[in-house]
Amino acid sequence: MPRWKLKQRRWEVNATRERRLRYDAGEPAPEREIDLTSRFVNPNTMGPSRGYTHIVETSGPGRTVYLSGQLGMTPDGKFAGAPGDFRAQVVQAFENVRIGLASVGGRMEHIVKITNFFIDMANLPVFFEVRDTYVNTKAPPASTAVEISKLARDGALFEIEAVAVIPGAARPKAAGAKRSAAKRGAAKKPARKKR
């Protein structure tokens, strides 16, 4: 790696460390430190959208987070509601997405794309009602709905996966996470002598 890149990287690491120390000491974070923009576009040349956006474009520094498909299962491994309760499963699946995003410092408004899997498309109106309580309906994420014959678990009626773009480059500290060797100050190799 060229020397100038190493200096730039050291500067970036030190600047990030200084910002964290200031915020950890109680100094308020700026309103928006890093500029991340998302454009939600529905071109007139495409058909009308029904509660979703055709195109979502993001730019700027940020973290892209991919959430695996979430079923309507509670933390104890059971489906929410009574057997066959589609609404309860959809609410729980969206809650699982919300909780998953929160674990990495994200919020529901950071979602740019959702993919929804249904056992029966007749449940679409109930899905719309629930979805609209979780997403920004003025700038909804791009969305795909697919009817399939079966999901991974017997009794599952709905599954959702999501992609989110979270502003900022820093990741929140996970509880109990170990620091990497670079952050601990890994042993430096001795400099080579020039001949």
N, C-alpha and C. Protein backbone atom coordinates (compact mmCIF):
# COMPACT_ATOMS: atom_id res chain seq x y z
N MET A 1 0.85 -1.17 0.00
CA MET A 1 0.00 0.00 0.00
C MET A 1 0.90 1.24 0.00
N PRO A 2 0.62 2.20 -0.88
CA PRO A 2 1.45 3.41 -0.92
C PRO A 2 1.42 4.15 0.42
N ARG A 3 2.52 4.84 0.70
CA ARG A 3 2.67 5.56 1.96
C ARG A 3 1.56 6.59 2.15
N TRP A 4 1.17 7.30 1.07
CA TRP A 4 0.14 8.34 1.20
C TRP A 4 -1.20 7.74 1.61
N LYS A 5 -1.48 6.50 1.14
CA LYS A 5 -2.73 5.85 1.53
C LYS A 5 -2.70 5.46 3.00
N LEU A 6 -1.55 5.01 3.48
CA LEU A 6 -1.43 4.67 4.89
C LEU A 6 -1.66 5.90 5.76
N LYS A 7 -1.06 7.05 5.36
CA LYS A 7 -1.25 8.29 6.12
C LYS A 7 -2.72 8.70 6.13
N GLN A 8 -3.37 8.60 4.96
CA GLN A 8 -4.79 8.96 4.87
C GLN A 8 -5.62 8.04 5.76
N ARG A 9 -5.33 6.75 5.73
CA ARG A 9 -6.08 5.80 6.54
C ARG A 9 -5.89 6.08 8.04
N ARG A 10 -4.63 6.37 8.44
CA ARG A 10 -4.37 6.71 9.84
C ARG A 10 -5.17 7.93 10.25
N TRP A 11 -5.22 8.94 9.36
CA TRP A 11 -5.97 10.16 9.66
C TRP A 11 -7.46 9.84 9.84
N GLU A 12 -8.01 9.01 8.95
CA GLU A 12 -9.43 8.64 9.04
C GLU A 12 -9.72 7.90 10.34
N VAL A 13 -8.85 6.96 10.71
CA VAL A 13 -9.05 6.20 11.95
C VAL A 13 -8.97 7.13 13.15
N ASN A 14 -7.98 8.03 13.17
CA ASN A 14 -7.84 8.96 14.30
C ASN A 14 -9.03 9.91 14.39
N ALA A 15 -9.51 10.41 13.24
CA ALA A 15 -10.65 11.33 13.25
C ALA A 15 -11.89 10.62 13.78
N THR A 16 -12.10 9.38 13.37
CA THR A 16 -13.24 8.60 13.86
C THR A 16 -13.12 8.37 15.35
N ARG A 17 -11.91 8.03 15.82
CA ARG A 17 -11.67 7.79 17.25
C ARG A 17 -11.97 9.06 18.05
N GLU A 18 -11.50 10.22 17.54
CA GLU A 18 -11.74 11.49 18.25
C GLU A 18 -13.23 11.80 18.33
N ARG A 19 -13.97 11.58 17.24
CA ARG A 19 -15.42 11.84 17.26
C ARG A 19 -16.10 10.95 18.29
N ARG A 20 -15.72 9.66 18.31
CA ARG A 20 -16.33 8.74 19.27
C ARG A 20 -16.04 9.18 20.70
N LEU A 21 -14.80 9.59 20.97
CA LEU A 21 -14.46 10.04 22.32
C LEU A 21 -15.27 11.26 22.72
N ARG A 22 -15.46 12.21 21.79
CA ARG A 22 -16.27 13.40 22.10
C ARG A 22 -17.70 13.01 22.41
N TYR A 23 -18.28 12.11 21.62
CA TYR A 23 -19.68 11.73 21.82
C TYR A 23 -19.84 10.88 23.07
N ASP A 24 -18.84 9.99 23.34
CA ASP A 24 -18.89 9.19 24.56
C ASP A 24 -18.79 10.07 25.79
N ALA A 25 -18.10 11.21 25.68
CA ALA A 25 -17.93 12.13 26.81
C ALA A 25 -19.17 12.99 27.02
N GLY A 26 -20.19 12.81 26.20
CA GLY A 26 -21.43 13.54 26.39
C GLY A 26 -21.67 14.68 25.43
N GLU A 27 -20.71 14.94 24.54
CA GLU A 27 -20.91 15.99 23.55
C GLU A 27 -21.96 15.52 22.55
N PRO A 28 -22.97 16.35 22.26
CA PRO A 28 -24.02 15.89 21.35
C PRO A 28 -23.49 15.69 19.94
N ALA A 29 -24.02 14.68 19.29
CA ALA A 29 -23.64 14.41 17.90
C ALA A 29 -24.26 15.46 17.00
N PRO A 30 -23.59 15.81 15.91
CA PRO A 30 -24.19 16.77 14.99
C PRO A 30 -25.48 16.21 14.40
N GLU A 31 -26.35 17.09 13.93
CA GLU A 31 -27.64 16.70 13.38
C GLU A 31 -27.47 15.64 12.30
N ARG A 32 -26.56 15.88 11.36
CA ARG A 32 -26.27 14.91 10.30
C ARG A 32 -24.82 15.07 9.92
N GLU A 33 -23.99 14.21 10.45
CA GLU A 33 -22.56 14.32 10.25
C GLU A 33 -22.14 13.90 8.85
N ILE A 34 -22.74 12.84 8.34
CA ILE A 34 -22.38 12.31 7.04
C ILE A 34 -23.59 12.39 6.14
N ASP A 35 -23.38 12.85 4.92
CA ASP A 35 -24.50 13.04 4.01
C ASP A 35 -24.80 11.76 3.24
N LEU A 36 -25.95 11.19 3.52
CA LEU A 36 -26.45 10.04 2.79
C LEU A 36 -27.78 10.47 2.20
N THR A 37 -27.93 10.28 0.93
CA THR A 37 -29.20 10.65 0.32
C THR A 37 -29.85 9.43 -0.30
N SER A 38 -31.16 9.40 -0.22
CA SER A 38 -31.95 8.36 -0.86
C SER A 38 -33.00 9.06 -1.72
N ARG A 39 -33.09 8.65 -2.97
CA ARG A 39 -34.12 9.18 -3.85
C ARG A 39 -35.13 8.08 -4.12
N PHE A 40 -36.40 8.40 -3.95
CA PHE A 40 -37.49 7.47 -4.21
C PHE A 40 -38.19 7.97 -5.47
N VAL A 41 -38.11 7.17 -6.55
CA VAL A 41 -38.55 7.64 -7.87
C VAL A 41 -39.62 6.72 -8.44
N ASN A 42 -40.71 7.32 -8.92
CA ASN A 42 -41.74 6.61 -9.66
C ASN A 42 -41.91 7.32 -11.01
N PRO A 43 -41.13 6.91 -12.02
CA PRO A 43 -41.20 7.59 -13.32
C PRO A 43 -42.59 7.48 -13.95
N ASN A 44 -42.99 8.53 -14.66
CA ASN A 44 -44.28 8.53 -15.36
C ASN A 44 -44.32 7.48 -16.46
N THR A 45 -43.15 7.04 -16.92
CA THR A 45 -43.08 6.06 -18.00
C THR A 45 -43.32 4.63 -17.53
N MET A 46 -43.45 4.44 -16.21
CA MET A 46 -43.74 3.12 -15.64
C MET A 46 -45.16 3.14 -15.08
N GLY A 47 -45.75 1.98 -14.94
CA GLY A 47 -47.10 1.90 -14.40
C GLY A 47 -47.17 2.45 -12.98
N PRO A 48 -48.38 2.76 -12.51
CA PRO A 48 -48.52 3.31 -11.16
C PRO A 48 -48.14 2.26 -10.09
N SER A 49 -47.57 2.76 -9.00
CA SER A 49 -47.19 1.86 -7.91
C SER A 49 -48.29 1.87 -6.85
N ARG A 50 -48.38 0.77 -6.12
CA ARG A 50 -49.43 0.62 -5.11
C ARG A 50 -48.79 0.43 -3.74
N GLY A 51 -48.34 1.53 -3.14
CA GLY A 51 -47.74 1.45 -1.81
C GLY A 51 -46.27 1.09 -1.81
N TYR A 52 -45.60 1.22 -2.94
CA TYR A 52 -44.17 0.97 -3.00
C TYR A 52 -43.57 1.94 -4.00
N THR A 53 -42.24 2.00 -4.06
CA THR A 53 -41.53 2.86 -5.00
C THR A 53 -40.85 1.98 -6.03
N HIS A 54 -40.92 2.38 -7.32
CA HIS A 54 -40.28 1.59 -8.37
C HIS A 54 -38.77 1.59 -8.24
N ILE A 55 -38.19 2.75 -7.95
CA ILE A 55 -36.73 2.87 -7.93
C ILE A 55 -36.31 3.61 -6.66
N VAL A 56 -35.34 3.03 -5.94
CA VAL A 56 -34.73 3.72 -4.80
C VAL A 56 -33.24 3.80 -5.08
N GLU A 57 -32.71 5.02 -5.09
CA GLU A 57 -31.29 5.23 -5.33
C GLU A 57 -30.68 5.82 -4.07
N THR A 58 -29.58 5.23 -3.60
CA THR A 58 -28.89 5.80 -2.45
C THR A 58 -27.49 6.19 -2.85
N SER A 59 -26.98 7.24 -2.24
CA SER A 59 -25.61 7.67 -2.50
C SER A 59 -25.03 8.27 -1.23
N GLY A 60 -23.74 8.24 -1.15
CA GLY A 60 -23.06 8.78 0.02
C GLY A 60 -22.57 7.67 0.91
N PRO A 61 -21.75 8.03 1.88
CA PRO A 61 -21.25 7.02 2.80
C PRO A 61 -22.39 6.44 3.62
N GLY A 62 -22.40 5.19 3.77
CA GLY A 62 -23.43 4.51 4.55
C GLY A 62 -23.15 3.03 4.58
N ARG A 63 -23.92 2.32 5.38
CA ARG A 63 -23.76 0.88 5.47
C ARG A 63 -24.99 0.22 4.89
N THR A 64 -24.77 -0.77 4.04
CA THR A 64 -25.88 -1.53 3.49
C THR A 64 -26.05 -2.77 4.37
N VAL A 65 -27.29 -2.98 4.81
CA VAL A 65 -27.60 -4.09 5.70
C VAL A 65 -28.62 -4.98 5.00
N TYR A 66 -28.34 -6.28 4.96
CA TYR A 66 -29.24 -7.25 4.35
C TYR A 66 -29.84 -8.09 5.47
N LEU A 67 -31.15 -8.07 5.59
CA LEU A 67 -31.81 -8.88 6.61
C LEU A 67 -32.36 -10.15 5.96
N SER A 68 -32.03 -11.28 6.52
CA SER A 68 -32.56 -12.55 6.04
C SER A 68 -34.07 -12.57 6.19
N GLY A 69 -34.71 -13.48 5.47
CA GLY A 69 -36.16 -13.60 5.57
C GLY A 69 -36.62 -13.79 7.00
N GLN A 70 -37.61 -13.02 7.40
CA GLN A 70 -38.16 -13.10 8.75
C GLN A 70 -39.58 -13.64 8.70
N LEU A 71 -39.80 -14.68 9.47
CA LEU A 71 -41.14 -15.24 9.61
C LEU A 71 -41.83 -14.54 10.78
N GLY A 72 -43.09 -14.80 10.95
CA GLY A 72 -43.84 -14.22 12.07
C GLY A 72 -43.67 -15.02 13.34
N MET A 73 -42.42 -15.27 13.72
CA MET A 73 -42.13 -16.09 14.90
C MET A 73 -41.67 -15.21 16.05
N THR A 74 -42.13 -15.56 17.23
CA THR A 74 -41.75 -14.86 18.46
C THR A 74 -40.40 -15.40 18.93
N PRO A 75 -39.74 -14.73 19.88
CA PRO A 75 -38.43 -15.20 20.36
C PRO A 75 -38.44 -16.62 20.94
N ASP A 76 -39.61 -17.10 21.36
CA ASP A 76 -39.66 -18.46 21.90
C ASP A 76 -39.83 -19.52 20.80
N GLY A 77 -39.78 -19.09 19.52
CA GLY A 77 -39.82 -20.04 18.41
C GLY A 77 -41.20 -20.46 17.98
N LYS A 78 -42.24 -19.76 18.45
CA LYS A 78 -43.61 -20.10 18.06
C LYS A 78 -44.15 -19.00 17.15
N PHE A 79 -45.12 -19.37 16.31
CA PHE A 79 -45.74 -18.37 15.46
C PHE A 79 -46.64 -17.47 16.28
N ALA A 80 -46.65 -16.20 15.94
CA ALA A 80 -47.51 -15.24 16.63
C ALA A 80 -48.97 -15.54 16.33
N GLY A 81 -49.84 -15.30 17.31
CA GLY A 81 -51.28 -15.49 17.11
C GLY A 81 -51.67 -16.96 17.08
N ALA A 82 -52.94 -17.17 16.77
CA ALA A 82 -53.48 -18.52 16.65
C ALA A 82 -53.03 -19.13 15.32
N PRO A 83 -53.06 -20.44 15.18
CA PRO A 83 -52.71 -21.05 13.89
C PRO A 83 -53.56 -20.45 12.76
N GLY A 84 -52.89 -20.05 11.68
CA GLY A 84 -53.60 -19.47 10.54
C GLY A 84 -53.88 -17.98 10.66
N ASP A 85 -53.38 -17.31 11.72
CA ASP A 85 -53.62 -15.87 11.91
C ASP A 85 -52.58 -15.07 11.11
N PHE A 86 -52.97 -14.74 9.87
CA PHE A 86 -52.06 -14.06 8.95
C PHE A 86 -51.62 -12.70 9.51
N ARG A 87 -52.55 -11.90 9.99
CA ARG A 87 -52.23 -10.56 10.49
C ARG A 87 -51.19 -10.64 11.61
N ALA A 88 -51.36 -11.54 12.56
CA ALA A 88 -50.42 -11.67 13.68
C ALA A 88 -49.03 -12.04 13.17
N GLN A 89 -48.96 -12.92 12.18
CA GLN A 89 -47.66 -13.31 11.64
C GLN A 89 -46.98 -12.15 10.91
N VAL A 90 -47.76 -11.37 10.16
CA VAL A 90 -47.17 -10.23 9.44
C VAL A 90 -46.66 -9.18 10.43
N VAL A 91 -47.45 -8.87 11.44
CA VAL A 91 -47.02 -7.90 12.46
C VAL A 91 -45.73 -8.38 13.11
N GLN A 92 -45.67 -9.65 13.49
CA GLN A 92 -44.47 -10.18 14.14
C GLN A 92 -43.27 -10.16 13.20
N ALA A 93 -43.49 -10.48 11.92
CA ALA A 93 -42.38 -10.46 10.95
C ALA A 93 -41.82 -9.04 10.82
N PHE A 94 -42.69 -8.03 10.74
CA PHE A 94 -42.22 -6.64 10.67
C PHE A 94 -41.52 -6.25 11.97
N GLU A 95 -42.02 -6.72 13.10
CA GLU A 95 -41.35 -6.44 14.38
C GLU A 95 -39.96 -7.06 14.39
N ASN A 96 -39.83 -8.27 13.85
CA ASN A 96 -38.53 -8.92 13.78
C ASN A 96 -37.56 -8.12 12.92
N VAL A 97 -38.06 -7.56 11.81
CA VAL A 97 -37.22 -6.70 10.96
C VAL A 97 -36.81 -5.45 11.75
N ARG A 98 -37.75 -4.83 12.44
CA ARG A 98 -37.46 -3.62 13.22
C ARG A 98 -36.40 -3.90 14.29
N ILE A 99 -36.54 -5.01 14.99
CA ILE A 99 -35.59 -5.39 16.04
C ILE A 99 -34.22 -5.69 15.44
N GLY A 100 -34.22 -6.39 14.30
CA GLY A 100 -32.96 -6.70 13.63
C GLY A 100 -32.22 -5.45 13.20
N LEU A 101 -32.94 -4.50 12.63
CA LEU A 101 -32.31 -3.24 12.23
C LEU A 101 -31.78 -2.48 13.43
N ALA A 102 -32.55 -2.44 14.49
CA ALA A 102 -32.12 -1.73 15.70
C ALA A 102 -30.82 -2.33 16.25
N SER A 103 -30.63 -3.63 16.09
CA SER A 103 -29.42 -4.28 16.62
C SER A 103 -28.15 -3.81 15.92
N VAL A 104 -28.29 -3.22 14.72
CA VAL A 104 -27.13 -2.69 14.01
C VAL A 104 -27.21 -1.18 13.83
N GLY A 105 -28.06 -0.53 14.63
CA GLY A 105 -28.15 0.92 14.60
C GLY A 105 -29.07 1.48 13.53
N GLY A 106 -29.95 0.66 12.98
CA GLY A 106 -30.85 1.11 11.93
C GLY A 106 -32.28 1.29 12.40
N ARG A 107 -33.07 1.92 11.56
CA ARG A 107 -34.49 2.13 11.82
C ARG A 107 -35.28 1.75 10.57
N MET A 108 -36.58 1.63 10.73
CA MET A 108 -37.43 1.21 9.60
C MET A 108 -37.34 2.17 8.42
N GLU A 109 -37.12 3.46 8.67
CA GLU A 109 -37.05 4.40 7.55
C GLU A 109 -35.79 4.22 6.71
N HIS A 110 -34.84 3.41 7.17
CA HIS A 110 -33.63 3.14 6.41
C HIS A 110 -33.84 2.02 5.38
N ILE A 111 -34.97 1.35 5.43
CA ILE A 111 -35.23 0.25 4.48
C ILE A 111 -35.45 0.83 3.09
N VAL A 112 -34.73 0.26 2.11
CA VAL A 112 -34.88 0.70 0.72
C VAL A 112 -35.53 -0.37 -0.16
N LYS A 113 -35.57 -1.63 0.32
CA LYS A 113 -36.16 -2.70 -0.49
C LYS A 113 -36.68 -3.80 0.41
N ILE A 114 -37.89 -4.27 0.13
CA ILE A 114 -38.43 -5.44 0.82
C ILE A 114 -38.91 -6.45 -0.21
N THR A 115 -38.75 -7.72 0.13
CA THR A 115 -39.29 -8.81 -0.68
C THR A 115 -40.20 -9.60 0.24
N ASN A 116 -41.44 -9.82 -0.20
CA ASN A 116 -42.47 -10.44 0.62
C ASN A 116 -42.94 -11.74 -0.03
N PHE A 117 -43.02 -12.77 0.77
CA PHE A 117 -43.43 -14.09 0.28
C PHE A 117 -44.74 -14.47 0.96
N PHE A 118 -45.73 -14.83 0.16
CA PHE A 118 -47.07 -15.17 0.65
C PHE A 118 -47.40 -16.61 0.28
N ILE A 119 -48.13 -17.28 1.14
CA ILE A 119 -48.70 -18.58 0.81
C ILE A 119 -49.98 -18.35 0.01
N ASP A 120 -50.67 -17.24 0.30
CA ASP A 120 -51.94 -16.93 -0.38
C ASP A 120 -52.01 -15.43 -0.62
N MET A 121 -52.00 -15.02 -1.89
CA MET A 121 -52.05 -13.60 -2.25
C MET A 121 -53.36 -12.94 -1.85
N ALA A 122 -54.37 -13.72 -1.51
CA ALA A 122 -55.63 -13.13 -1.05
C ALA A 122 -55.41 -12.31 0.23
N ASN A 123 -54.30 -12.55 0.92
CA ASN A 123 -53.98 -11.81 2.15
C ASN A 123 -53.30 -10.46 1.88
N LEU A 124 -53.13 -10.09 0.63
CA LEU A 124 -52.46 -8.84 0.29
C LEU A 124 -53.07 -7.61 0.96
N PRO A 125 -54.40 -7.44 1.01
CA PRO A 125 -54.97 -6.25 1.67
C PRO A 125 -54.58 -6.14 3.15
N VAL A 126 -54.53 -7.26 3.85
CA VAL A 126 -54.12 -7.24 5.27
C VAL A 126 -52.65 -6.86 5.35
N PHE A 127 -51.83 -7.39 4.45
CA PHE A 127 -50.42 -7.04 4.39
C PHE A 127 -50.24 -5.54 4.21
N PHE A 128 -51.00 -4.94 3.26
CA PHE A 128 -50.89 -3.50 3.02
C PHE A 128 -51.19 -2.70 4.28
N GLU A 129 -52.22 -3.08 5.01
CA GLU A 129 -52.59 -2.38 6.25
C GLU A 129 -51.44 -2.41 7.25
N VAL A 130 -50.87 -3.58 7.44
CA VAL A 130 -49.78 -3.73 8.42
C VAL A 130 -48.53 -3.01 7.93
N ARG A 131 -48.15 -3.26 6.69
CA ARG A 131 -46.94 -2.64 6.13
C ARG A 131 -46.97 -1.13 6.28
N ASP A 132 -48.13 -0.52 6.01
CA ASP A 132 -48.22 0.94 6.05
C ASP A 132 -48.07 1.52 7.45
N THR A 133 -48.15 0.68 8.47
CA THR A 133 -47.88 1.18 9.83
C THR A 133 -46.39 1.13 10.16
N TYR A 134 -45.59 0.44 9.34
CA TYR A 134 -44.17 0.30 9.60
C TYR A 134 -43.28 1.10 8.66
N VAL A 135 -43.71 1.36 7.43
CA VAL A 135 -42.86 2.07 6.47
C VAL A 135 -43.36 3.49 6.25
N ASN A 136 -42.48 4.31 5.72
CA ASN A 136 -42.84 5.68 5.38
C ASN A 136 -43.70 5.63 4.11
N THR A 137 -44.97 5.90 4.23
CA THR A 137 -45.88 5.77 3.08
C THR A 137 -45.69 6.90 2.07
N LYS A 138 -45.01 7.98 2.46
CA LYS A 138 -44.73 9.07 1.50
C LYS A 138 -43.53 8.73 0.61
N ALA A 139 -42.62 7.90 1.11
CA ALA A 139 -41.47 7.43 0.35
C ALA A 139 -41.24 5.96 0.72
N PRO A 140 -42.15 5.08 0.27
CA PRO A 140 -42.04 3.67 0.65
C PRO A 140 -40.87 2.99 -0.05
N PRO A 141 -40.37 1.90 0.53
CA PRO A 141 -39.27 1.18 -0.10
C PRO A 141 -39.73 0.48 -1.38
N ALA A 142 -38.78 0.13 -2.22
CA ALA A 142 -39.08 -0.72 -3.37
C ALA A 142 -39.56 -2.05 -2.79
N SER A 143 -40.47 -2.71 -3.51
CA SER A 143 -41.10 -3.89 -2.93
C SER A 143 -41.45 -4.92 -3.99
N THR A 144 -41.33 -6.18 -3.61
CA THR A 144 -41.74 -7.29 -4.46
C THR A 144 -42.60 -8.23 -3.63
N ALA A 145 -43.69 -8.71 -4.21
CA ALA A 145 -44.57 -9.67 -3.55
C ALA A 145 -44.62 -10.93 -4.41
N VAL A 146 -44.41 -12.09 -3.77
CA VAL A 146 -44.37 -13.35 -4.49
C VAL A 146 -45.24 -14.36 -3.76
N GLU A 147 -46.09 -15.07 -4.51
CA GLU A 147 -46.86 -16.17 -3.91
C GLU A 147 -46.09 -17.46 -4.15
N ILE A 148 -45.92 -18.22 -3.08
CA ILE A 148 -45.21 -19.49 -3.19
C ILE A 148 -46.06 -20.57 -2.53
N SER A 149 -45.74 -21.83 -2.79
CA SER A 149 -46.57 -22.91 -2.26
C SER A 149 -46.27 -23.23 -0.80
N LYS A 150 -45.03 -22.98 -0.36
CA LYS A 150 -44.67 -23.33 1.02
C LYS A 150 -43.46 -22.52 1.45
N LEU A 151 -43.43 -22.19 2.76
CA LEU A 151 -42.26 -21.53 3.34
C LEU A 151 -41.44 -22.55 4.11
N ALA A 152 -40.33 -22.12 4.68
CA ALA A 152 -39.37 -23.03 5.32
C ALA A 152 -39.91 -23.74 6.55
N ARG A 153 -40.91 -23.19 7.22
CA ARG A 153 -41.47 -23.81 8.43
C ARG A 153 -42.95 -24.10 8.21
N ASP A 154 -43.39 -25.26 8.64
CA ASP A 154 -44.82 -25.58 8.56
C ASP A 154 -45.59 -24.59 9.42
N GLY A 155 -46.68 -24.09 8.89
CA GLY A 155 -47.50 -23.12 9.61
C GLY A 155 -47.18 -21.68 9.27
N ALA A 156 -46.05 -21.44 8.57
CA ALA A 156 -45.69 -20.08 8.18
C ALA A 156 -46.58 -19.62 7.02
N LEU A 157 -47.11 -18.42 7.13
CA LEU A 157 -47.99 -17.87 6.11
C LEU A 157 -47.34 -16.72 5.34
N PHE A 158 -46.25 -16.15 5.90
CA PHE A 158 -45.65 -14.94 5.34
C PHE A 158 -44.19 -14.88 5.75
N GLU A 159 -43.38 -14.32 4.84
CA GLU A 159 -41.96 -14.07 5.13
C GLU A 159 -41.56 -12.78 4.45
N ILE A 160 -40.70 -12.00 5.13
CA ILE A 160 -40.21 -10.75 4.56
C ILE A 160 -38.71 -10.69 4.72
N GLU A 161 -38.03 -10.23 3.66
CA GLU A 161 -36.61 -9.92 3.78
C GLU A 161 -36.44 -8.46 3.39
N ALA A 162 -35.40 -7.83 3.91
CA ALA A 162 -35.25 -6.40 3.71
C ALA A 162 -33.79 -6.02 3.45
N VAL A 163 -33.62 -4.91 2.74
CA VAL A 163 -32.33 -4.29 2.53
C VAL A 163 -32.46 -2.87 3.05
N ALA A 164 -31.50 -2.45 3.88
CA ALA A 164 -31.52 -1.11 4.44
C ALA A 164 -30.18 -0.44 4.19
N VAL A 165 -30.19 0.88 4.05
CA VAL A 165 -28.97 1.66 3.94
C VAL A 165 -28.98 2.62 5.12
N ILE A 166 -28.01 2.42 6.02
CA ILE A 166 -27.95 3.19 7.25
C ILE A 166 -26.90 4.29 7.11
N PRO A 167 -27.26 5.55 7.37
CA PRO A 167 -26.30 6.65 7.23
C PRO A 167 -25.09 6.46 8.15
N GLY A 168 -23.96 6.95 7.70
CA GLY A 168 -22.75 6.89 8.51
C GLY A 168 -21.94 5.66 8.23
N ALA A 169 -20.66 5.74 8.51
CA ALA A 169 -19.77 4.62 8.23
C ALA A 169 -19.48 3.78 9.46
N ALA A 170 -19.68 4.34 10.64
CA ALA A 170 -19.31 3.61 11.86
C ALA A 170 -20.41 2.65 12.26
N ARG A 171 -20.00 1.48 12.74
CA ARG A 171 -20.95 0.51 13.25
C ARG A 171 -21.07 0.68 14.75
N PRO A 172 -22.27 0.48 15.30
CA PRO A 172 -22.39 0.55 16.76
C PRO A 172 -21.66 -0.62 17.40
N LYS A 173 -21.20 -0.41 18.63
CA LYS A 173 -20.52 -1.49 19.34
C LYS A 173 -21.55 -2.53 19.76
N ALA A 174 -21.24 -3.79 19.48
CA ALA A 174 -22.11 -4.87 19.92
C ALA A 174 -21.75 -5.20 21.36
N ALA A 175 -22.74 -5.53 22.16
CA ALA A 175 -22.49 -5.86 23.56
C ALA A 175 -21.56 -7.06 23.64
N GLY A 176 -20.47 -6.92 24.37
CA GLY A 176 -19.55 -8.03 24.57
C GLY A 176 -18.64 -8.31 23.39
N ALA A 177 -18.64 -7.43 22.38
CA ALA A 177 -17.81 -7.68 21.20
C ALA A 177 -16.35 -7.47 21.54
N LYS A 178 -15.49 -8.28 20.95
CA LYS A 178 -14.06 -8.14 21.16
C LYS A 178 -13.49 -7.17 20.14
N ARG A 179 -12.50 -6.44 20.56
CA ARG A 179 -11.86 -5.50 19.64
C ARG A 179 -10.96 -6.26 18.68
N SER A 180 -10.85 -5.74 17.47
CA SER A 180 -9.98 -6.38 16.48
C SER A 180 -8.52 -6.12 16.83
N ALA A 181 -7.64 -6.88 16.22
CA ALA A 181 -6.21 -6.73 16.48
C ALA A 181 -5.74 -5.33 16.11
N ALA A 182 -6.27 -4.75 15.04
CA ALA A 182 -5.88 -3.41 14.62
C ALA A 182 -6.24 -2.39 15.69
N LYS A 183 -7.41 -2.54 16.30
CA LYS A 183 -7.84 -1.59 17.32
C LYS A 183 -7.09 -1.79 18.63
N ARG A 184 -6.61 -2.99 18.91
CA ARG A 184 -5.87 -3.25 20.13
C ARG A 184 -4.45 -2.75 20.02
N GLY A 185 -4.03 -2.40 18.78
CA GLY A 185 -2.66 -1.97 18.59
C GLY A 185 -1.77 -3.18 18.36
N ALA A 186 -2.05 -3.90 17.31
CA ALA A 186 -1.30 -5.11 16.99
C ALA A 186 0.18 -4.80 16.90
N ALA A 187 0.97 -5.80 17.21
CA ALA A 187 2.42 -5.61 17.18
C ALA A 187 2.85 -5.18 15.79
N LYS A 188 3.69 -4.14 15.75
CA LYS A 188 4.16 -3.65 14.47
C LYS A 188 5.40 -4.42 14.06
N LYS A 189 5.51 -4.64 12.76
CA LYS A 189 6.70 -5.30 12.24
C LYS A 189 7.84 -4.29 12.21
N PRO A 190 9.04 -4.73 12.53
CA PRO A 190 10.17 -3.79 12.48
C PRO A 190 10.39 -3.31 11.06
N ALA A 191 10.82 -2.07 10.91
CA ALA A 191 11.06 -1.48 9.60
C ALA A 191 12.26 -2.15 8.96
N ARG A 192 12.20 -2.33 7.66
CA ARG A 192 13.31 -2.92 6.93
C ARG A 192 14.37 -1.85 6.70
N LYS A 193 15.60 -2.27 6.74
CA LYS A 193 16.71 -1.36 6.46
C LYS A 193 16.87 -1.23 4.95
N LYS A 194 17.08 0.02 4.50
CA LYS A 194 17.33 0.23 3.08
C LYS A 194 18.77 -0.11 2.77
N ARG A 195 18.97 -0.68 1.62
CA ARG A 195 20.34 -1.06 1.24
C ARG A 195 20.92 -0.05 0.31
